[in-house]
Amino acid sequence: MLPDNVKKFATANHQGVLTCFRRYGMPQVSIVTCGAYGDGVAFSTTADRAKLGNLKRDPRCALLVSKRDWWGYVVLEGRARILSPGNTPADELRLALRDVYRAATNQEHPNWEEYDQAMVDDRRAAVIVVPDHIYGTAV
């Protein structure tokens, strides 16, 4: 469970930097748009992205969530939980991707049917970083 202050911070700030591990052990870093979701912080990604392949192979990761000016941040170190077409029923994934969109934007999409189809076409997955350890200036 996210502490209230971290949940509040991740609800107000959506700028994220994900670090995961390449097959040969070096870090792989990606910019993501994210938001508080369930017991972690979530973002979506397409099936062909390196971050998704890396997280499927090794779910250990860190996600820095930052204010727009970078002077306030939290880091979640933990594991990624992946909801994807290969491991999640279609309706459950559709609703999770909608919730991740809401969490990352603090708004409703203007056309959910169009959004749902784009998620299927992109073969999108929802990734939730569930922390074992949290630190930063906003904690």
N, C-alpha and C. Protein backbone atom coordinates (compact mmCIF):
# COMPACT_ATOMS: atom_id res chain seq x y z
N MET A 1 0.84 -1.18 0.00
CA MET A 1 0.00 0.00 0.00
C MET A 1 0.88 1.24 0.00
N LEU A 2 0.55 2.19 -0.84
CA LEU A 2 1.29 3.45 -0.87
C LEU A 2 0.93 4.29 0.35
N PRO A 3 1.92 4.86 1.01
CA PRO A 3 1.61 5.82 2.08
C PRO A 3 0.82 6.99 1.49
N ASP A 4 -0.04 7.59 2.29
CA ASP A 4 -0.90 8.68 1.81
C ASP A 4 -0.12 9.82 1.18
N ASN A 5 1.02 10.20 1.78
CA ASN A 5 1.77 11.32 1.23
C ASN A 5 2.38 10.98 -0.14
N VAL A 6 2.77 9.73 -0.34
CA VAL A 6 3.32 9.31 -1.65
C VAL A 6 2.19 9.22 -2.68
N LYS A 7 1.05 8.69 -2.27
CA LYS A 7 -0.10 8.62 -3.17
C LYS A 7 -0.51 10.02 -3.61
N LYS A 8 -0.56 10.95 -2.66
CA LYS A 8 -0.92 12.33 -2.97
C LYS A 8 0.09 12.94 -3.95
N PHE A 9 1.38 12.71 -3.71
CA PHE A 9 2.42 13.24 -4.59
C PHE A 9 2.30 12.66 -6.00
N ALA A 10 2.11 11.34 -6.09
CA ALA A 10 2.02 10.68 -7.40
C ALA A 10 0.70 10.99 -8.11
N THR A 11 -0.29 11.44 -7.38
CA THR A 11 -1.55 11.86 -8.00
C THR A 11 -1.41 13.26 -8.61
N ALA A 12 -0.56 14.08 -8.00
CA ALA A 12 -0.37 15.46 -8.47
C ALA A 12 0.76 15.60 -9.49
N ASN A 13 1.66 14.62 -9.53
CA ASN A 13 2.85 14.71 -10.40
C ASN A 13 2.95 13.47 -11.26
N HIS A 14 3.11 13.65 -12.55
CA HIS A 14 3.01 12.53 -13.49
C HIS A 14 4.27 12.29 -14.31
N GLN A 15 5.30 13.02 -14.03
CA GLN A 15 6.56 12.90 -14.73
C GLN A 15 7.38 11.79 -14.08
N GLY A 16 7.72 10.75 -14.84
CA GLY A 16 8.43 9.63 -14.25
C GLY A 16 9.63 9.19 -15.07
N VAL A 17 10.59 8.61 -14.37
CA VAL A 17 11.76 7.99 -14.99
C VAL A 17 11.88 6.59 -14.43
N LEU A 18 11.71 5.60 -15.30
CA LEU A 18 11.78 4.20 -14.92
C LEU A 18 13.18 3.67 -15.20
N THR A 19 13.72 2.92 -14.24
CA THR A 19 14.97 2.21 -14.45
C THR A 19 14.72 0.72 -14.25
N CYS A 20 15.08 -0.06 -15.26
CA CYS A 20 15.01 -1.51 -15.17
C CYS A 20 16.34 -2.06 -15.68
N PHE A 21 16.42 -3.36 -15.90
CA PHE A 21 17.71 -3.97 -16.23
C PHE A 21 17.69 -4.68 -17.57
N ARG A 22 18.70 -4.40 -18.37
CA ARG A 22 18.87 -5.09 -19.64
C ARG A 22 19.36 -6.51 -19.38
N ARG A 23 19.27 -7.34 -20.40
CA ARG A 23 19.67 -8.74 -20.30
C ARG A 23 21.11 -8.88 -19.81
N TYR A 24 21.99 -7.96 -20.21
CA TYR A 24 23.40 -8.06 -19.83
C TYR A 24 23.73 -7.30 -18.56
N GLY A 25 22.69 -6.85 -17.82
CA GLY A 25 22.89 -6.29 -16.50
C GLY A 25 22.94 -4.78 -16.39
N MET A 26 23.14 -4.09 -17.50
CA MET A 26 23.20 -2.63 -17.45
C MET A 26 21.79 -2.06 -17.30
N PRO A 27 21.68 -0.86 -16.71
CA PRO A 27 20.35 -0.26 -16.56
C PRO A 27 19.79 0.22 -17.89
N GLN A 28 18.48 0.18 -17.98
CA GLN A 28 17.76 0.74 -19.11
C GLN A 28 16.80 1.77 -18.52
N VAL A 29 16.84 3.00 -19.02
CA VAL A 29 16.09 4.11 -18.43
C VAL A 29 15.07 4.61 -19.45
N SER A 30 13.85 4.85 -18.98
CA SER A 30 12.76 5.31 -19.85
C SER A 30 11.99 6.42 -19.16
N ILE A 31 11.58 7.40 -19.92
CA ILE A 31 10.66 8.44 -19.43
C ILE A 31 9.24 7.91 -19.59
N VAL A 32 8.43 8.05 -18.54
CA VAL A 32 7.04 7.59 -18.57
C VAL A 32 6.13 8.65 -17.97
N THR A 33 4.87 8.60 -18.37
CA THR A 33 3.83 9.39 -17.74
C THR A 33 3.08 8.44 -16.82
N CYS A 34 2.98 8.79 -15.55
CA CYS A 34 2.51 7.82 -14.56
C CYS A 34 1.56 8.47 -13.55
N GLY A 35 0.97 7.62 -12.72
CA GLY A 35 0.10 8.10 -11.67
C GLY A 35 -0.13 7.04 -10.61
N ALA A 36 -0.57 7.46 -9.44
CA ALA A 36 -0.87 6.54 -8.34
C ALA A 36 -1.97 5.59 -8.78
N TYR A 37 -1.76 4.31 -8.51
CA TYR A 37 -2.71 3.29 -8.95
C TYR A 37 -2.60 2.10 -8.01
N GLY A 38 -3.66 1.78 -7.32
CA GLY A 38 -3.65 0.63 -6.43
C GLY A 38 -2.56 0.72 -5.39
N ASP A 39 -1.74 -0.31 -5.32
CA ASP A 39 -0.67 -0.35 -4.32
C ASP A 39 0.67 0.13 -4.87
N GLY A 40 0.62 0.90 -5.97
CA GLY A 40 1.85 1.40 -6.57
C GLY A 40 1.62 2.61 -7.45
N VAL A 41 2.51 2.78 -8.39
CA VAL A 41 2.41 3.85 -9.39
C VAL A 41 2.47 3.17 -10.75
N ALA A 42 1.59 3.57 -11.67
CA ALA A 42 1.44 2.85 -12.93
C ALA A 42 1.65 3.73 -14.15
N PHE A 43 1.95 3.05 -15.25
CA PHE A 43 2.04 3.67 -16.57
C PHE A 43 1.65 2.60 -17.58
N SER A 44 1.44 2.99 -18.82
CA SER A 44 1.19 2.00 -19.87
C SER A 44 2.32 2.06 -20.89
N THR A 45 2.47 0.96 -21.60
CA THR A 45 3.51 0.87 -22.62
C THR A 45 3.09 -0.12 -23.68
N THR A 46 3.69 0.00 -24.86
CA THR A 46 3.38 -0.92 -25.96
C THR A 46 4.22 -2.18 -25.84
N ALA A 47 3.75 -3.23 -26.49
CA ALA A 47 4.39 -4.54 -26.39
C ALA A 47 5.81 -4.56 -26.95
N ASP A 48 6.14 -3.64 -27.85
CA ASP A 48 7.45 -3.67 -28.51
C ASP A 48 8.52 -2.85 -27.79
N ARG A 49 8.22 -2.28 -26.65
CA ARG A 49 9.19 -1.43 -25.94
C ARG A 49 10.18 -2.27 -25.14
N ALA A 50 11.42 -1.81 -25.12
CA ALA A 50 12.47 -2.51 -24.38
C ALA A 50 12.12 -2.63 -22.91
N LYS A 51 11.53 -1.59 -22.33
CA LYS A 51 11.21 -1.62 -20.90
C LYS A 51 10.28 -2.77 -20.56
N LEU A 52 9.32 -3.06 -21.43
CA LEU A 52 8.38 -4.13 -21.14
C LEU A 52 9.08 -5.49 -21.20
N GLY A 53 9.89 -5.70 -22.21
CA GLY A 53 10.64 -6.95 -22.30
C GLY A 53 11.58 -7.13 -21.12
N ASN A 54 12.24 -6.05 -20.74
CA ASN A 54 13.16 -6.12 -19.60
C ASN A 54 12.41 -6.43 -18.30
N LEU A 55 11.26 -5.78 -18.11
CA LEU A 55 10.48 -6.01 -16.88
C LEU A 55 9.87 -7.41 -16.84
N LYS A 56 9.51 -7.95 -18.00
CA LYS A 56 8.99 -9.32 -18.03
C LYS A 56 10.08 -10.31 -17.62
N ARG A 57 11.29 -10.05 -18.05
CA ARG A 57 12.41 -10.94 -17.74
C ARG A 57 12.87 -10.77 -16.29
N ASP A 58 12.89 -9.51 -15.83
CA ASP A 58 13.37 -9.19 -14.48
C ASP A 58 12.52 -8.03 -13.96
N PRO A 59 11.55 -8.31 -13.08
CA PRO A 59 10.62 -7.27 -12.65
C PRO A 59 11.20 -6.24 -11.68
N ARG A 60 12.44 -6.41 -11.25
CA ARG A 60 13.04 -5.42 -10.35
C ARG A 60 13.19 -4.09 -11.09
N CYS A 61 12.83 -3.00 -10.40
CA CYS A 61 12.90 -1.70 -11.05
C CYS A 61 12.84 -0.58 -10.01
N ALA A 62 13.10 0.62 -10.49
CA ALA A 62 12.91 1.83 -9.69
C ALA A 62 12.19 2.83 -10.56
N LEU A 63 11.28 3.57 -9.94
CA LEU A 63 10.54 4.61 -10.64
C LEU A 63 10.67 5.90 -9.86
N LEU A 64 11.28 6.91 -10.49
CA LEU A 64 11.36 8.25 -9.91
C LEU A 64 10.15 9.02 -10.44
N VAL A 65 9.37 9.58 -9.54
CA VAL A 65 8.25 10.44 -9.89
C VAL A 65 8.64 11.84 -9.45
N SER A 66 8.56 12.80 -10.38
CA SER A 66 9.10 14.12 -10.12
C SER A 66 8.09 15.23 -10.35
N LYS A 67 8.30 16.32 -9.63
CA LYS A 67 7.60 17.56 -9.95
C LYS A 67 8.11 18.04 -11.31
N ARG A 68 7.36 18.90 -11.95
CA ARG A 68 7.76 19.40 -13.27
C ARG A 68 9.10 20.11 -13.24
N ASP A 69 9.43 20.76 -12.13
CA ASP A 69 10.72 21.47 -12.05
C ASP A 69 11.85 20.58 -11.53
N TRP A 70 11.58 19.32 -11.27
CA TRP A 70 12.54 18.32 -10.80
C TRP A 70 13.01 18.54 -9.37
N TRP A 71 12.51 19.53 -8.64
CA TRP A 71 13.00 19.84 -7.30
C TRP A 71 12.22 19.17 -6.19
N GLY A 72 11.36 18.30 -6.53
CA GLY A 72 10.65 17.47 -5.56
C GLY A 72 10.43 16.12 -6.21
N TYR A 73 10.70 15.04 -5.51
CA TYR A 73 10.57 13.72 -6.13
C TYR A 73 10.38 12.63 -5.07
N VAL A 74 9.89 11.50 -5.53
CA VAL A 74 9.89 10.27 -4.77
C VAL A 74 10.44 9.17 -5.67
N VAL A 75 11.10 8.21 -5.07
CA VAL A 75 11.60 7.05 -5.80
C VAL A 75 10.97 5.80 -5.18
N LEU A 76 10.38 4.99 -6.02
CA LEU A 76 9.82 3.71 -5.60
C LEU A 76 10.74 2.61 -6.12
N GLU A 77 11.33 1.86 -5.22
CA GLU A 77 12.13 0.70 -5.60
C GLU A 77 11.31 -0.53 -5.30
N GLY A 78 11.20 -1.41 -6.27
CA GLY A 78 10.40 -2.61 -6.04
C GLY A 78 10.34 -3.48 -7.26
N ARG A 79 9.14 -3.96 -7.55
CA ARG A 79 8.92 -4.87 -8.66
C ARG A 79 7.74 -4.41 -9.49
N ALA A 80 7.82 -4.70 -10.77
CA ALA A 80 6.73 -4.36 -11.69
C ALA A 80 5.73 -5.50 -11.76
N ARG A 81 4.47 -5.14 -11.66
CA ARG A 81 3.38 -6.08 -11.93
C ARG A 81 2.84 -5.69 -13.30
N ILE A 82 2.80 -6.63 -14.22
CA ILE A 82 2.43 -6.34 -15.60
C ILE A 82 1.07 -6.96 -15.91
N LEU A 83 0.18 -6.13 -16.42
CA LEU A 83 -1.12 -6.59 -16.93
C LEU A 83 -1.05 -6.43 -18.44
N SER A 84 -1.10 -7.55 -19.16
CA SER A 84 -0.93 -7.50 -20.61
C SER A 84 -1.91 -8.47 -21.27
N PRO A 85 -2.04 -8.37 -22.60
CA PRO A 85 -2.96 -9.29 -23.28
C PRO A 85 -2.63 -10.77 -23.03
N GLY A 86 -1.39 -11.08 -22.75
CA GLY A 86 -1.00 -12.47 -22.54
C GLY A 86 -1.31 -13.02 -21.16
N ASN A 87 -1.61 -12.14 -20.18
CA ASN A 87 -1.82 -12.65 -18.82
C ASN A 87 -3.05 -12.07 -18.12
N THR A 88 -3.84 -11.29 -18.83
CA THR A 88 -4.97 -10.61 -18.22
C THR A 88 -6.19 -10.71 -19.13
N PRO A 89 -7.36 -11.11 -18.61
CA PRO A 89 -8.57 -11.14 -19.44
C PRO A 89 -8.83 -9.77 -20.08
N ALA A 90 -9.34 -9.79 -21.30
CA ALA A 90 -9.51 -8.58 -22.11
C ALA A 90 -10.28 -7.47 -21.38
N ASP A 91 -11.40 -7.80 -20.75
CA ASP A 91 -12.19 -6.77 -20.06
C ASP A 91 -11.44 -6.20 -18.87
N GLU A 92 -10.75 -7.05 -18.12
CA GLU A 92 -9.97 -6.59 -16.98
C GLU A 92 -8.84 -5.65 -17.44
N LEU A 93 -8.16 -6.01 -18.52
CA LEU A 93 -7.09 -5.18 -19.06
C LEU A 93 -7.64 -3.85 -19.57
N ARG A 94 -8.77 -3.90 -20.27
CA ARG A 94 -9.39 -2.66 -20.78
C ARG A 94 -9.68 -1.70 -19.64
N LEU A 95 -10.27 -2.19 -18.57
CA LEU A 95 -10.60 -1.33 -17.43
C LEU A 95 -9.33 -0.85 -16.72
N ALA A 96 -8.33 -1.70 -16.60
CA ALA A 96 -7.06 -1.30 -15.96
C ALA A 96 -6.39 -0.20 -16.77
N LEU A 97 -6.36 -0.34 -18.10
CA LEU A 97 -5.73 0.69 -18.94
C LEU A 97 -6.49 2.01 -18.84
N ARG A 98 -7.80 1.94 -18.74
CA ARG A 98 -8.58 3.17 -18.53
C ARG A 98 -8.21 3.81 -17.19
N ASP A 99 -8.11 2.99 -16.15
CA ASP A 99 -7.76 3.52 -14.83
C ASP A 99 -6.35 4.10 -14.81
N VAL A 100 -5.41 3.47 -15.51
CA VAL A 100 -4.05 4.00 -15.59
C VAL A 100 -4.05 5.33 -16.33
N TYR A 101 -4.84 5.43 -17.39
CA TYR A 101 -4.97 6.71 -18.11
C TYR A 101 -5.47 7.79 -17.16
N ARG A 102 -6.52 7.49 -16.42
CA ARG A 102 -7.07 8.47 -15.46
C ARG A 102 -6.02 8.85 -14.42
N ALA A 103 -5.29 7.86 -13.92
CA ALA A 103 -4.28 8.12 -12.89
C ALA A 103 -3.14 8.99 -13.43
N ALA A 104 -2.76 8.77 -14.67
CA ALA A 104 -1.62 9.48 -15.26
C ALA A 104 -1.98 10.86 -15.80
N THR A 105 -3.27 11.12 -15.99
CA THR A 105 -3.69 12.40 -16.56
C THR A 105 -4.63 13.21 -15.68
N ASN A 106 -5.20 12.57 -14.67
CA ASN A 106 -6.22 13.20 -13.82
C ASN A 106 -7.41 13.70 -14.63
N GLN A 107 -7.76 12.95 -15.66
CA GLN A 107 -8.92 13.33 -16.47
C GLN A 107 -9.52 12.12 -17.15
N GLU A 108 -10.70 12.30 -17.70
CA GLU A 108 -11.36 11.27 -18.50
C GLU A 108 -10.95 11.44 -19.96
N HIS A 109 -10.88 10.35 -20.67
CA HIS A 109 -10.61 10.42 -22.11
C HIS A 109 -11.88 10.88 -22.81
N PRO A 110 -11.77 11.70 -23.86
CA PRO A 110 -12.97 12.19 -24.54
C PRO A 110 -13.72 11.12 -25.34
N ASN A 111 -13.06 10.00 -25.66
CA ASN A 111 -13.71 8.94 -26.43
C ASN A 111 -13.14 7.60 -26.00
N TRP A 112 -13.79 6.96 -25.02
CA TRP A 112 -13.27 5.72 -24.46
C TRP A 112 -13.23 4.59 -25.49
N GLU A 113 -14.20 4.52 -26.38
CA GLU A 113 -14.20 3.44 -27.38
C GLU A 113 -12.99 3.57 -28.30
N GLU A 114 -12.68 4.79 -28.72
CA GLU A 114 -11.50 5.03 -29.54
C GLU A 114 -10.22 4.69 -28.77
N TYR A 115 -10.18 5.09 -27.52
CA TYR A 115 -9.03 4.79 -26.66
C TYR A 115 -8.84 3.27 -26.53
N ASP A 116 -9.94 2.57 -26.23
CA ASP A 116 -9.87 1.11 -26.06
C ASP A 116 -9.30 0.45 -27.31
N GLN A 117 -9.77 0.89 -28.48
CA GLN A 117 -9.29 0.29 -29.73
C GLN A 117 -7.82 0.59 -29.95
N ALA A 118 -7.38 1.80 -29.63
CA ALA A 118 -5.97 2.15 -29.76
C ALA A 118 -5.11 1.29 -28.84
N MET A 119 -5.60 0.99 -27.64
CA MET A 119 -4.86 0.15 -26.70
C MET A 119 -4.70 -1.27 -27.24
N VAL A 120 -5.76 -1.79 -27.87
CA VAL A 120 -5.70 -3.12 -28.48
C VAL A 120 -4.74 -3.10 -29.67
N ASP A 121 -4.87 -2.08 -30.52
CA ASP A 121 -4.01 -1.98 -31.71
C ASP A 121 -2.54 -1.86 -31.33
N ASP A 122 -2.25 -1.11 -30.25
CA ASP A 122 -0.87 -0.91 -29.79
C ASP A 122 -0.34 -2.10 -28.98
N ARG A 123 -1.25 -3.04 -28.64
CA ARG A 123 -0.90 -4.16 -27.75
C ARG A 123 -0.30 -3.61 -26.45
N ARG A 124 -1.01 -2.67 -25.86
CA ARG A 124 -0.55 -2.00 -24.64
C ARG A 124 -0.68 -2.89 -23.42
N ALA A 125 0.22 -2.63 -22.50
CA ALA A 125 0.21 -3.28 -21.19
C ALA A 125 0.18 -2.19 -20.12
N ALA A 126 -0.40 -2.51 -18.99
CA ALA A 126 -0.34 -1.63 -17.82
C ALA A 126 0.76 -2.18 -16.92
N VAL A 127 1.63 -1.29 -16.46
CA VAL A 127 2.72 -1.68 -15.58
C VAL A 127 2.54 -0.94 -14.26
N ILE A 128 2.48 -1.69 -13.17
CA ILE A 128 2.34 -1.09 -11.84
C ILE A 128 3.64 -1.37 -11.08
N VAL A 129 4.32 -0.31 -10.67
CA VAL A 129 5.53 -0.46 -9.87
C VAL A 129 5.08 -0.50 -8.41
N VAL A 130 5.25 -1.67 -7.80
CA VAL A 130 4.85 -1.89 -6.41
C VAL A 130 6.11 -1.78 -5.57
N PRO A 131 6.18 -0.77 -4.68
CA PRO A 131 7.44 -0.52 -3.98
C PRO A 131 7.68 -1.41 -2.76
N ASP A 132 8.95 -1.75 -2.60
CA ASP A 132 9.43 -2.35 -1.37
C ASP A 132 10.08 -1.27 -0.50
N HIS A 133 10.54 -0.22 -1.15
CA HIS A 133 11.25 0.86 -0.47
C HIS A 133 10.91 2.16 -1.19
N ILE A 134 10.68 3.23 -0.42
CA ILE A 134 10.34 4.55 -0.97
C ILE A 134 11.22 5.58 -0.29
N TYR A 135 11.77 6.49 -1.09
CA TYR A 135 12.54 7.60 -0.53
C TYR A 135 12.42 8.80 -1.45
N GLY A 136 12.91 9.94 -1.00
CA GLY A 136 12.92 11.16 -1.82
C GLY A 136 12.57 12.38 -1.00
N THR A 137 12.57 13.52 -1.66
CA THR A 137 12.33 14.79 -0.98
C THR A 137 10.87 14.96 -0.57
N ALA A 138 9.97 14.25 -1.23
CA ALA A 138 8.54 14.42 -0.94
C ALA A 138 8.01 13.35 0.01
N VAL A 139 8.91 12.58 0.61
CA VAL A 139 8.47 11.51 1.53
C VAL A 139 8.56 12.00 2.96
